[in-house]
PDB file of all heavy atoms in Angstrom:
ATOM      1  N   TYR A   1     -14.907  -2.161  24.717  1.00  0.00           N
ATOM      2  CA  TYR A   1     -15.422  -2.396  23.374  1.00  0.00           C
ATOM      3  C   TYR A   1     -14.829  -3.699  22.864  1.00  0.00           C
ATOM      4  O   TYR A   1     -13.637  -3.950  23.010  1.00  0.00           O
ATOM      5  CB  TYR A   1     -15.021  -1.261  22.429  1.00  0.00           C
ATOM      6  CG  TYR A   1     -15.671   0.063  22.760  1.00  0.00           C
ATOM      7  CD1 TYR A   1     -15.072   0.947  23.655  1.00  0.00           C
ATOM      8  CD2 TYR A   1     -16.867   0.428  22.181  1.00  0.00           C
ATOM      9  CE1 TYR A   1     -15.677   2.154  23.957  1.00  0.00           C
ATOM     10  CE2 TYR A   1     -17.476   1.637  22.467  1.00  0.00           C
ATOM     11  CZ  TYR A   1     -16.866   2.503  23.365  1.00  0.00           C
ATOM     12  OH  TYR A   1     -17.466   3.695  23.652  1.00  0.00           O
ATOM     13  N   SER A   2     -15.650  -4.539  22.233  1.00  0.00           N
ATOM     14  CA  SER A   2     -15.169  -5.808  21.713  1.00  0.00           C
ATOM     15  C   SER A   2     -14.378  -5.590  20.420  1.00  0.00           C
ATOM     16  O   SER A   2     -14.444  -4.522  19.801  1.00  0.00           O
ATOM     17  CB  SER A   2     -16.349  -6.738  21.443  1.00  0.00           C
ATOM     18  OG  SER A   2     -17.140  -6.232  20.391  1.00  0.00           O
ATOM     19  N   LYS A   3     -13.669  -6.627  20.003  1.00  0.00           N
ATOM     20  CA  LYS A   3     -12.901  -6.565  18.755  1.00  0.00           C
ATOM     21  C   LYS A   3     -13.844  -6.376  17.568  1.00  0.00           C
ATOM     22  O   LYS A   3     -13.525  -5.685  16.608  1.00  0.00           O
ATOM     23  CB  LYS A   3     -12.076  -7.836  18.561  1.00  0.00           C
ATOM     24  CG  LYS A   3     -10.967  -8.010  19.568  1.00  0.00           C
ATOM     25  CD  LYS A   3      -9.815  -7.094  19.258  1.00  0.00           C
ATOM     26  CE  LYS A   3      -8.696  -7.299  20.260  1.00  0.00           C
ATOM     27  NZ  LYS A   3      -7.670  -6.281  20.126  1.00  0.00           N
ATOM     28  N   GLY A   4     -15.021  -7.018  17.635  1.00  0.00           N
ATOM     29  CA  GLY A   4     -15.998  -6.892  16.553  1.00  0.00           C
ATOM     30  C   GLY A   4     -16.470  -5.467  16.372  1.00  0.00           C
ATOM     31  O   GLY A   4     -16.616  -4.987  15.248  1.00  0.00           O
ATOM     32  N   SER A   5     -16.684  -4.767  17.497  1.00  0.00           N
ATOM     33  CA  SER A   5     -17.141  -3.379  17.401  1.00  0.00           C
ATOM     34  C   SER A   5     -16.021  -2.492  16.858  1.00  0.00           C
ATOM     35  O   SER A   5     -16.280  -1.554  16.093  1.00  0.00           O
ATOM     36  CB  SER A   5     -17.628  -2.866  18.756  1.00  0.00           C
ATOM     37  OG  SER A   5     -16.584  -2.816  19.688  1.00  0.00           O
ATOM     38  N   GLN A   6     -14.793  -2.783  17.230  1.00  0.00           N
ATOM     39  CA  GLN A   6     -13.657  -2.021  16.711  1.00  0.00           C
ATOM     40  C   GLN A   6     -13.542  -2.194  15.199  1.00  0.00           C
ATOM     41  O   GLN A   6     -13.263  -1.238  14.473  1.00  0.00           O
ATOM     42  CB  GLN A   6     -12.365  -2.473  17.380  1.00  0.00           C
ATOM     43  CG  GLN A   6     -12.286  -2.099  18.848  1.00  0.00           C
ATOM     44  CD  GLN A   6     -11.090  -2.717  19.543  1.00  0.00           C
ATOM     45  OE1 GLN A   6     -10.174  -3.224  18.906  1.00  0.00           O
ATOM     46  NE2 GLN A   6     -11.108  -2.693  20.858  1.00  0.00           N
ATOM     47  N   LYS A   7     -13.797  -3.409  14.729  1.00  0.00           N
ATOM     48  CA  LYS A   7     -13.718  -3.694  13.298  1.00  0.00           C
ATOM     49  C   LYS A   7     -14.820  -2.947  12.532  1.00  0.00           C
ATOM     50  O   LYS A   7     -14.575  -2.407  11.456  1.00  0.00           O
ATOM     51  CB  LYS A   7     -13.860  -5.199  13.062  1.00  0.00           C
ATOM     52  CG  LYS A   7     -13.511  -5.636  11.665  1.00  0.00           C
ATOM     53  CD  LYS A   7     -13.628  -7.127  11.504  1.00  0.00           C
ATOM     54  CE  LYS A   7     -12.338  -7.793  11.885  1.00  0.00           C
ATOM     55  NZ  LYS A   7     -12.326  -9.222  11.525  1.00  0.00           N
ATOM     56  N   GLU A   8     -16.029  -2.895  13.113  1.00  0.00           N
ATOM     57  CA  GLU A   8     -17.136  -2.176  12.486  1.00  0.00           C
ATOM     58  C   GLU A   8     -16.796  -0.692  12.336  1.00  0.00           C
ATOM     59  O   GLU A   8     -17.038  -0.095  11.289  1.00  0.00           O
ATOM     60  CB  GLU A   8     -18.415  -2.314  13.316  1.00  0.00           C
ATOM     61  CG  GLU A   8     -19.085  -3.653  13.216  1.00  0.00           C
ATOM     62  CD  GLU A   8     -19.846  -3.859  11.917  1.00  0.00           C
ATOM     63  OE1 GLU A   8     -20.036  -2.893  11.157  1.00  0.00           O
ATOM     64  OE2 GLU A   8     -20.242  -4.998  11.664  1.00  0.00           O
ATOM     65  N   VAL A   9     -16.252  -0.095  13.400  1.00  0.00           N
ATOM     66  CA  VAL A   9     -15.899   1.323  13.359  1.00  0.00           C
ATOM     67  C   VAL A   9     -14.783   1.556  12.343  1.00  0.00           C
ATOM     68  O   VAL A   9     -14.821   2.514  11.570  1.00  0.00           O
ATOM     69  CB  VAL A   9     -15.488   1.843  14.757  1.00  0.00           C
ATOM     70  CG1 VAL A   9     -14.940   3.263  14.677  1.00  0.00           C
ATOM     71  CG2 VAL A   9     -16.680   1.796  15.700  1.00  0.00           C
ATOM     72  N   LYS A  10     -13.810   0.650  12.309  1.00  0.00           N
ATOM     73  CA  LYS A  10     -12.703   0.765  11.357  1.00  0.00           C
ATOM     74  C   LYS A  10     -13.228   0.731   9.915  1.00  0.00           C
ATOM     75  O   LYS A  10     -12.829   1.542   9.083  1.00  0.00           O
ATOM     76  CB  LYS A  10     -11.716  -0.378  11.580  1.00  0.00           C
ATOM     77  CG  LYS A  10     -10.517  -0.334  10.672  1.00  0.00           C
ATOM     78  CD  LYS A  10      -9.575  -1.479  10.946  1.00  0.00           C
ATOM     79  CE  LYS A  10      -8.414  -1.469   9.979  1.00  0.00           C
ATOM     80  NZ  LYS A  10      -7.539  -2.619  10.168  1.00  0.00           N
ATOM     81  N   ASN A  11     -14.162  -0.194   9.642  1.00  0.00           N
ATOM     82  CA  ASN A  11     -14.733  -0.292   8.296  1.00  0.00           C
ATOM     83  C   ASN A  11     -15.510   0.964   7.923  1.00  0.00           C
ATOM     84  O   ASN A  11     -15.427   1.447   6.789  1.00  0.00           O
ATOM     85  CB  ASN A  11     -15.645  -1.520   8.197  1.00  0.00           C
ATOM     86  CG  ASN A  11     -14.871  -2.811   8.231  1.00  0.00           C
ATOM     87  OD1 ASN A  11     -13.681  -2.835   7.944  1.00  0.00           O
ATOM     88  ND2 ASN A  11     -15.535  -3.889   8.588  1.00  0.00           N
ATOM     89  N   GLU A  12     -16.274   1.491   8.888  1.00  0.00           N
ATOM     90  CA  GLU A  12     -17.059   2.695   8.622  1.00  0.00           C
ATOM     91  C   GLU A  12     -16.144   3.895   8.371  1.00  0.00           C
ATOM     92  O   GLU A  12     -16.408   4.715   7.493  1.00  0.00           O
ATOM     93  CB  GLU A  12     -18.007   2.985   9.784  1.00  0.00           C
ATOM     94  CG  GLU A  12     -19.025   4.032   9.482  1.00  0.00           C
ATOM     95  CD  GLU A  12     -19.936   3.705   8.316  1.00  0.00           C
ATOM     96  OE1 GLU A  12     -20.316   2.529   8.146  1.00  0.00           O
ATOM     97  OE2 GLU A  12     -20.257   4.633   7.548  1.00  0.00           O
ATOM     98  N   MET A  13     -15.049   4.000   9.120  1.00  0.00           N
ATOM     99  CA  MET A  13     -14.096   5.089   8.911  1.00  0.00           C
ATOM    100  C   MET A  13     -13.452   4.976   7.529  1.00  0.00           C
ATOM    101  O   MET A  13     -13.198   5.981   6.863  1.00  0.00           O
ATOM    102  CB  MET A  13     -13.016   5.089  10.002  1.00  0.00           C
ATOM    103  CG  MET A  13     -13.513   5.542  11.350  1.00  0.00           C
ATOM    104  SD  MET A  13     -14.286   7.166  11.333  1.00  0.00           S
ATOM    105  CE  MET A  13     -12.892   8.190  10.952  1.00  0.00           C
ATOM    106  N   HIS A  14     -13.201   3.745   7.100  1.00  0.00           N
ATOM    107  CA  HIS A  14     -12.629   3.506   5.774  1.00  0.00           C
ATOM    108  C   HIS A  14     -13.588   4.031   4.704  1.00  0.00           C
ATOM    109  O   HIS A  14     -13.178   4.728   3.773  1.00  0.00           O
ATOM    110  CB  HIS A  14     -12.380   2.003   5.595  1.00  0.00           C
ATOM    111  CG  HIS A  14     -11.662   1.659   4.343  1.00  0.00           C
ATOM    112  ND1 HIS A  14     -10.295   1.768   4.218  1.00  0.00           N
ATOM    113  CD2 HIS A  14     -12.100   1.205   3.157  1.00  0.00           C
ATOM    114  CE1 HIS A  14      -9.941   1.392   2.997  1.00  0.00           C
ATOM    115  NE2 HIS A  14     -11.024   1.046   2.336  1.00  0.00           N
ATOM    116  N   ARG A  15     -14.884   3.702   4.861  1.00  0.00           N
ATOM    117  CA  ARG A  15     -15.890   4.185   3.901  1.00  0.00           C
ATOM    118  C   ARG A  15     -15.988   5.710   3.946  1.00  0.00           C
ATOM    119  O   ARG A  15     -16.118   6.359   2.911  1.00  0.00           O
ATOM    120  CB  ARG A  15     -17.257   3.570   4.207  1.00  0.00           C
ATOM    121  CG  ARG A  15     -17.382   2.131   3.754  1.00  0.00           C
ATOM    122  CD  ARG A  15     -18.823   1.676   3.770  1.00  0.00           C
ATOM    123  NE  ARG A  15     -19.337   1.525   5.120  1.00  0.00           N
ATOM    124  CZ  ARG A  15     -19.276   0.406   5.822  1.00  0.00           C
ATOM    125  NH1 ARG A  15     -18.725  -0.672   5.315  1.00  0.00           N
ATOM    126  NH2 ARG A  15     -19.767   0.351   7.040  1.00  0.00           N
ATOM    127  N   TYR A  16     -15.929   6.280   5.155  1.00  0.00           N
ATOM    128  CA  TYR A  16     -16.021   7.733   5.322  1.00  0.00           C
ATOM    129  C   TYR A  16     -14.868   8.436   4.603  1.00  0.00           C
ATOM    130  O   TYR A  16     -15.072   9.416   3.879  1.00  0.00           O
ATOM    131  CB  TYR A  16     -16.021   8.089   6.814  1.00  0.00           C
ATOM    132  CG  TYR A  16     -15.737   9.534   7.118  1.00  0.00           C
ATOM    133  CD1 TYR A  16     -16.646  10.529   6.796  1.00  0.00           C
ATOM    134  CD2 TYR A  16     -14.541   9.915   7.729  1.00  0.00           C
ATOM    135  CE1 TYR A  16     -16.387  11.865   7.082  1.00  0.00           C
ATOM    136  CE2 TYR A  16     -14.280  11.241   8.011  1.00  0.00           C
ATOM    137  CZ  TYR A  16     -15.201  12.209   7.681  1.00  0.00           C
ATOM    138  OH  TYR A  16     -14.934  13.527   7.953  1.00  0.00           O
ATOM    139  N   LYS A  17     -13.664   7.917   4.773  1.00  0.00           N
ATOM    140  CA  LYS A  17     -12.489   8.547   4.167  1.00  0.00           C
ATOM    141  C   LYS A  17     -12.522   8.467   2.646  1.00  0.00           C
ATOM    142  O   LYS A  17     -11.950   9.317   1.963  1.00  0.00           O
ATOM    143  CB  LYS A  17     -11.212   7.897   4.702  1.00  0.00           C
ATOM    144  CG  LYS A  17     -10.915   8.295   6.141  1.00  0.00           C
ATOM    145  CD  LYS A  17      -9.666   7.618   6.653  1.00  0.00           C
ATOM    146  CE  LYS A  17      -9.400   7.998   8.083  1.00  0.00           C
ATOM    147  NZ  LYS A  17      -8.199   7.330   8.608  1.00  0.00           N
ATOM    148  N   ARG A  18     -13.180   7.437   2.113  1.00  0.00           N
ATOM    149  CA  ARG A  18     -13.299   7.284   0.661  1.00  0.00           C
ATOM    150  C   ARG A  18     -14.519   8.030   0.118  1.00  0.00           C
ATOM    151  O   ARG A  18     -14.764   8.017  -1.086  1.00  0.00           O
ATOM    152  CB  ARG A  18     -13.425   5.807   0.272  1.00  0.00           C
ATOM    153  CG  ARG A  18     -12.323   4.884   0.761  1.00  0.00           C
ATOM    154  CD  ARG A  18     -11.006   5.155   0.084  1.00  0.00           C
ATOM    155  NE  ARG A  18      -9.897   4.361   0.537  1.00  0.00           N
ATOM    156  CZ  ARG A  18      -9.222   4.510   1.667  1.00  0.00           C
ATOM    157  NH1 ARG A  18      -9.592   5.404   2.551  1.00  0.00           N
ATOM    158  NH2 ARG A  18      -8.189   3.773   1.958  1.00  0.00           N
ATOM    159  N   GLY A  19     -15.330   8.630   1.024  1.00  0.00           N
ATOM    160  CA  GLY A  19     -16.508   9.378   0.597  1.00  0.00           C
ATOM    161  C   GLY A  19     -17.689   8.505   0.260  1.00  0.00           C
ATOM    162  O   GLY A  19     -18.607   8.929  -0.447  1.00  0.00           O
ATOM    163  N   LYS A  20     -17.703   7.244   0.744  1.00  0.00           N
ATOM    164  CA  LYS A  20     -18.768   6.299   0.412  1.00  0.00           C
ATOM    165  C   LYS A  20     -19.767   6.104   1.547  1.00  0.00           C
ATOM    166  O   LYS A  20     -20.772   5.422   1.369  1.00  0.00           O
ATOM    167  CB  LYS A  20     -18.171   4.918   0.068  1.00  0.00           C
ATOM    168  CG  LYS A  20     -17.171   4.932  -1.055  1.00  0.00           C
ATOM    169  CD  LYS A  20     -17.835   5.145  -2.386  1.00  0.00           C
ATOM    170  CE  LYS A  20     -16.816   5.080  -3.510  1.00  0.00           C
ATOM    171  NZ  LYS A  20     -17.355   5.525  -4.769  1.00  0.00           N
ATOM    172  N   ALA A  21     -19.499   6.669   2.733  1.00  0.00           N
ATOM    173  CA  ALA A  21     -20.365   6.467   3.895  1.00  0.00           C
ATOM    174  C   ALA A  21     -21.661   7.248   3.727  1.00  0.00           C
ATOM    175  O   ALA A  21     -21.655   8.411   3.332  1.00  0.00           O
ATOM    176  CB  ALA A  21     -19.660   6.893   5.168  1.00  0.00           C
ATOM    177  N   LYS A  22     -22.777   6.567   4.013  1.00  0.00           N
ATOM    178  CA  LYS A  22     -24.090   7.196   3.929  1.00  0.00           C
ATOM    179  C   LYS A  22     -24.789   7.033   5.260  1.00  0.00           C
ATOM    180  O   LYS A  22     -24.605   6.038   5.956  1.00  0.00           O
ATOM    181  CB  LYS A  22     -24.937   6.520   2.847  1.00  0.00           C
ATOM    182  CG  LYS A  22     -24.340   6.546   1.467  1.00  0.00           C
ATOM    183  CD  LYS A  22     -24.763   7.779   0.724  1.00  0.00           C
ATOM    184  CE  LYS A  22     -24.138   7.804  -0.637  1.00  0.00           C
ATOM    185  NZ  LYS A  22     -24.972   8.232  -1.689  1.00  0.00           N
ATOM    186  N   SER A  23     -25.628   8.015   5.611  1.00  0.00           N
ATOM    187  CA  SER A  23     -26.389   7.936   6.847  1.00  0.00           C
ATOM    188  C   SER A  23     -27.846   7.678   6.510  1.00  0.00           C
ATOM    189  O   SER A  23     -28.271   7.859   5.369  1.00  0.00           O
ATOM    190  CB  SER A  23     -26.261   9.236   7.634  1.00  0.00           C
ATOM    191  OG  SER A  23     -26.821  10.290   6.901  1.00  0.00           O
ATOM    192  N   GLY A  24     -28.604   7.255   7.491  1.00  0.00           N
ATOM    193  CA  GLY A  24     -30.025   7.051   7.290  1.00  0.00           C
ATOM    194  C   GLY A  24     -30.371   5.601   7.037  1.00  0.00           C
ATOM    195  O   GLY A  24     -29.505   4.733   6.939  1.00  0.00           O
ATOM    196  N   LYS A  25     -31.654   5.357   6.948  1.00  0.00           N
ATOM    197  CA  LYS A  25     -32.177   3.997   6.798  1.00  0.00           C
ATOM    198  C   LYS A  25     -31.687   3.363   5.498  1.00  0.00           C
ATOM    199  O   LYS A  25     -31.917   3.898   4.410  1.00  0.00           O
ATOM    200  CB  LYS A  25     -33.705   4.060   6.799  1.00  0.00           C
ATOM    201  CG  LYS A  25     -34.353   2.726   6.862  1.00  0.00           C
ATOM    202  CD  LYS A  25     -35.239   2.630   8.056  1.00  0.00           C
ATOM    203  CE  LYS A  25     -35.897   1.289   8.092  1.00  0.00           C
ATOM    204  NZ  LYS A  25     -36.234   0.870   9.387  1.00  0.00           N
ATOM    205  N   GLY A  26     -31.005   2.250   5.614  1.00  0.00           N
ATOM    206  CA  GLY A  26     -30.536   1.531   4.434  1.00  0.00           C
ATOM    207  C   GLY A  26     -29.478   2.263   3.646  1.00  0.00           C
ATOM    208  O   GLY A  26     -29.215   1.934   2.493  1.00  0.00           O
ATOM    209  N   GLY A  27     -28.853   3.290   4.247  1.00  0.00           N
ATOM    210  CA  GLY A  27     -27.813   4.042   3.550  1.00  0.00           C
ATOM    211  C   GLY A  27     -28.353   4.958   2.467  1.00  0.00           C
ATOM    212  O   GLY A  27     -27.637   5.378   1.582  1.00  0.00           O
ATOM    213  N   LYS A  28     -29.668   5.246   2.523  1.00  0.00           N
ATOM    214  CA  LYS A  28     -30.277   6.093   1.500  1.00  0.00           C
ATOM    215  C   LYS A  28     -30.141   7.573   1.813  1.00  0.00           C
ATOM    216  O   LYS A  28     -30.475   8.412   1.001  1.00  0.00           O
ATOM    217  CB  LYS A  28     -31.760   5.744   1.346  1.00  0.00           C
ATOM    218  CG  LYS A  28     -31.992   4.360   0.798  1.00  0.00           C
ATOM    219  CD  LYS A  28     -33.466   4.054   0.741  1.00  0.00           C
ATOM    220  CE  LYS A  28     -33.684   2.626   0.289  1.00  0.00           C
ATOM    221  NZ  LYS A  28     -35.091   2.251   0.366  1.00  0.00           N
ATOM    222  N   GLY A  29     -29.683   7.891   3.005  1.00  0.00           N
ATOM    223  CA  GLY A  29     -29.577   9.286   3.420  1.00  0.00           C
ATOM    224  C   GLY A  29     -28.412  10.000   2.761  1.00  0.00           C
ATOM    225  O   GLY A  29     -27.814   9.504   1.813  1.00  0.00           O
ATOM    226  N   GLY A  30     -28.098  11.143   3.307  1.00  0.00           N
ATOM    227  CA  GLY A  30     -27.028  11.960   2.741  1.00  0.00           C
ATOM    228  C   GLY A  30     -25.646  11.447   3.097  1.00  0.00           C
ATOM    229  O   GLY A  30     -25.489  10.473   3.825  1.00  0.00           O
ATOM    230  N   LYS A  31     -24.664  12.120   2.558  1.00  0.00           N
ATOM    231  CA  LYS A  31     -23.272  11.776   2.813  1.00  0.00           C
ATOM    232  C   LYS A  31     -22.908  12.101   4.253  1.00  0.00           C
ATOM    233  O   LYS A  31     -23.373  13.091   4.810  1.00  0.00           O
ATOM    234  CB  LYS A  31     -22.394  12.601   1.901  1.00  0.00           C
ATOM    235  CG  LYS A  31     -21.411  11.818   1.101  1.00  0.00           C
ATOM    236  CD  LYS A  31     -20.544  12.759   0.297  1.00  0.00           C
ATOM    237  CE  LYS A  31     -20.120  12.074  -0.966  1.00  0.00           C
ATOM    238  NZ  LYS A  31     -19.204  12.875  -1.731  1.00  0.00           N
ATOM    239  N   VAL A  32     -22.068  11.263   4.835  1.00  0.00           N
ATOM    240  CA  VAL A  32     -21.574  11.510   6.190  1.00  0.00           C
ATOM    241  C   VAL A  32     -20.511  12.588   6.093  1.00  0.00           C
ATOM    242  O   VAL A  32     -19.570  12.468   5.308  1.00  0.00           O
ATOM    243  CB  VAL A  32     -20.999  10.212   6.800  1.00  0.00           C
ATOM    244  CG1 VAL A  32     -20.357  10.482   8.136  1.00  0.00           C
ATOM    245  CG2 VAL A  32     -22.090   9.171   6.930  1.00  0.00           C
TER     246      VAL A  32
END
């Protein structure tokens, strides 16, 4: 895995832990 992909996952985990991560097209879906 490249450093860029690691950074993307890290950012998404940060959003998930704060309760801000959304799934679906354009983030319009439900909470992760």
